[in-house]
Amino acid sequence: MITTHVLDTAIGRPARGVPVELERQSESVFGGSTTWDLVGAGATDTDGRNRDLTPSGSTEPGLYRIRFNTESYFSANNVKGFFPVVEITFHIEDGTQHYHVPLLLSPFGYSTYRGS
């Protein structure tokens, strides 16, 4: 299972309505180029969370990418942000574990970590 949580550190609150996409890297094709397959998508809820990117239970091991459309979020809140999109790529080895990928966001910076 893969979940996320976005906190807007500039206002000290959860970031509601951030569009999120989760993709899994597929096998290399045509001379080593790679493609990404959409696994799940949605937006963060009133608590800044998205728990529905994957079904509960095991997740197929592989390389994943989670993309946050921060420009949409900032525009909806009349804020000028520097990063229009934040992409975080991570590797899942044990698909039976819960992988939580939080994003700490402000208009001019962000950070992440593996949460629980």
Protein backbone atom coordinates (compact mmCIF):
# COMPACT_ATOMS: atom_id res chain seq x y z
CA MET A 1 0.00 0.00 0.00
CA ILE A 2 1.25 3.49 -0.89
CA THR A 3 -0.17 6.60 0.78
CA THR A 4 0.83 10.26 0.98
CA HIS A 5 0.28 13.34 3.12
CA VAL A 6 1.02 16.95 2.13
CA LEU A 7 1.63 19.62 4.75
CA ASP A 8 1.88 23.27 3.76
CA THR A 9 4.64 24.44 6.09
CA ALA A 10 4.13 28.10 5.10
CA ILE A 11 0.71 28.12 6.76
CA GLY A 12 1.22 25.24 9.19
CA ARG A 13 -1.74 23.23 7.87
CA PRO A 14 -2.53 20.23 5.69
CA ALA A 15 -2.55 21.02 1.97
CA ARG A 16 -6.07 20.26 0.76
CA GLY A 17 -6.83 19.56 -2.90
CA VAL A 18 -3.31 18.83 -4.19
CA PRO A 19 -3.64 16.68 -7.34
CA VAL A 20 -1.49 13.54 -7.01
CA GLU A 21 -0.51 10.82 -9.50
CA LEU A 22 1.31 7.59 -8.74
CA GLU A 23 3.16 5.76 -11.52
CA ARG A 24 5.21 2.57 -11.72
CA GLN A 25 8.13 2.23 -14.11
CA SER A 26 7.56 -0.45 -16.72
CA GLU A 27 10.22 -2.46 -18.48
CA SER A 28 12.67 -0.71 -20.77
CA VAL A 29 11.53 -0.53 -24.38
CA PHE A 30 13.13 0.54 -27.67
CA GLY A 31 16.79 0.77 -26.80
CA GLY A 32 16.64 1.39 -23.08
CA SER A 33 14.01 4.12 -22.80
CA THR A 34 11.50 3.59 -20.03
CA THR A 35 7.83 4.25 -19.70
CA TRP A 36 5.66 4.89 -16.67
CA ASP A 37 2.26 3.32 -16.05
CA LEU A 38 -0.36 5.16 -14.05
CA VAL A 39 -1.19 3.24 -10.88
CA GLY A 40 -3.48 5.71 -9.13
CA ALA A 41 -4.50 9.34 -9.01
CA GLY A 42 -6.57 11.69 -6.92
CA ALA A 43 -6.28 14.73 -4.69
CA THR A 44 -5.45 15.25 -1.06
CA ASP A 45 -8.40 15.41 1.33
CA THR A 46 -9.14 18.04 4.02
CA ASP A 47 -6.39 16.48 6.18
CA GLY A 48 -3.89 16.70 3.29
CA ARG A 49 -3.92 12.92 2.80
CA ASN A 50 -4.47 10.57 -0.09
CA ARG A 51 -5.00 6.99 1.02
CA ASP A 52 -6.42 5.69 -2.28
CA LEU A 53 -3.42 5.66 -4.64
CA THR A 54 -3.21 1.87 -4.40
CA PRO A 55 -5.61 -0.71 -3.05
CA SER A 56 -4.93 -1.88 0.49
CA GLY A 57 -2.72 -4.93 0.66
CA SER A 58 0.43 -5.85 -1.22
CA THR A 59 2.04 -3.60 -3.81
CA GLU A 60 4.07 -4.92 -6.72
CA PRO A 61 7.80 -4.29 -6.15
CA GLY A 62 9.47 -1.85 -8.50
CA LEU A 63 10.37 1.77 -9.11
CA TYR A 64 7.57 4.24 -8.41
CA ARG A 65 7.10 7.95 -8.98
CA ILE A 66 4.63 10.15 -7.16
CA ARG A 67 3.82 13.50 -8.77
CA PHE A 68 2.26 16.43 -6.94
CA ASN A 69 0.70 19.22 -9.03
CA THR A 70 1.75 22.01 -6.69
CA GLU A 71 1.00 24.75 -9.22
CA SER A 72 -2.68 23.83 -9.10
CA TYR A 73 -2.66 23.92 -5.30
CA PHE A 74 -0.82 27.25 -5.08
CA SER A 75 -3.00 28.86 -7.77
CA ALA A 76 -6.17 27.80 -5.95
CA ASN A 77 -4.80 29.53 -2.85
CA ASN A 78 -3.60 32.70 -4.64
CA VAL A 79 0.05 31.93 -3.91
CA LYS A 80 2.98 32.24 -6.31
CA GLY A 81 5.07 29.09 -6.03
CA PHE A 82 8.47 28.30 -7.50
CA PHE A 83 8.01 24.56 -8.10
CA PRO A 84 4.99 23.81 -10.33
CA VAL A 85 5.42 20.04 -9.93
CA VAL A 86 7.15 17.94 -7.31
CA GLU A 87 8.15 14.42 -8.34
CA ILE A 88 9.49 11.86 -5.89
CA THR A 89 10.90 8.59 -7.21
CA PHE A 90 11.31 5.68 -4.82
CA HIS A 91 11.94 1.96 -4.89
CA ILE A 92 9.72 -0.71 -3.35
CA GLU A 93 11.43 -3.99 -2.58
CA ASP A 94 8.98 -5.55 -0.14
CA GLY A 95 5.45 -5.10 -1.47
CA THR A 96 3.89 -6.34 1.78
CA GLN A 97 4.97 -3.19 3.64
CA HIS A 98 3.06 0.09 3.86
CA TYR A 99 4.91 2.89 2.11
CA HIS A 100 3.97 6.40 3.21
CA VAL A 101 5.53 9.25 1.21
CA PRO A 102 4.84 12.62 2.89
CA LEU A 103 5.58 15.98 1.31
CA LEU A 104 6.42 19.06 3.37
CA LEU A 105 5.66 21.95 1.04
CA SER A 106 6.13 25.71 0.91
CA PRO A 107 6.06 28.09 -2.06
CA PHE A 108 9.86 28.03 -2.39
CA GLY A 109 10.91 24.63 -1.11
CA TYR A 110 9.91 21.11 -0.20
CA SER A 111 11.21 18.01 1.55
CA THR A 112 10.16 14.42 1.93
CA TYR A 113 10.99 11.25 3.83
CA ARG A 114 9.74 7.72 4.20
CA GLY A 115 6.96 7.90 6.74
CA SER A 116 5.08 5.20 8.58
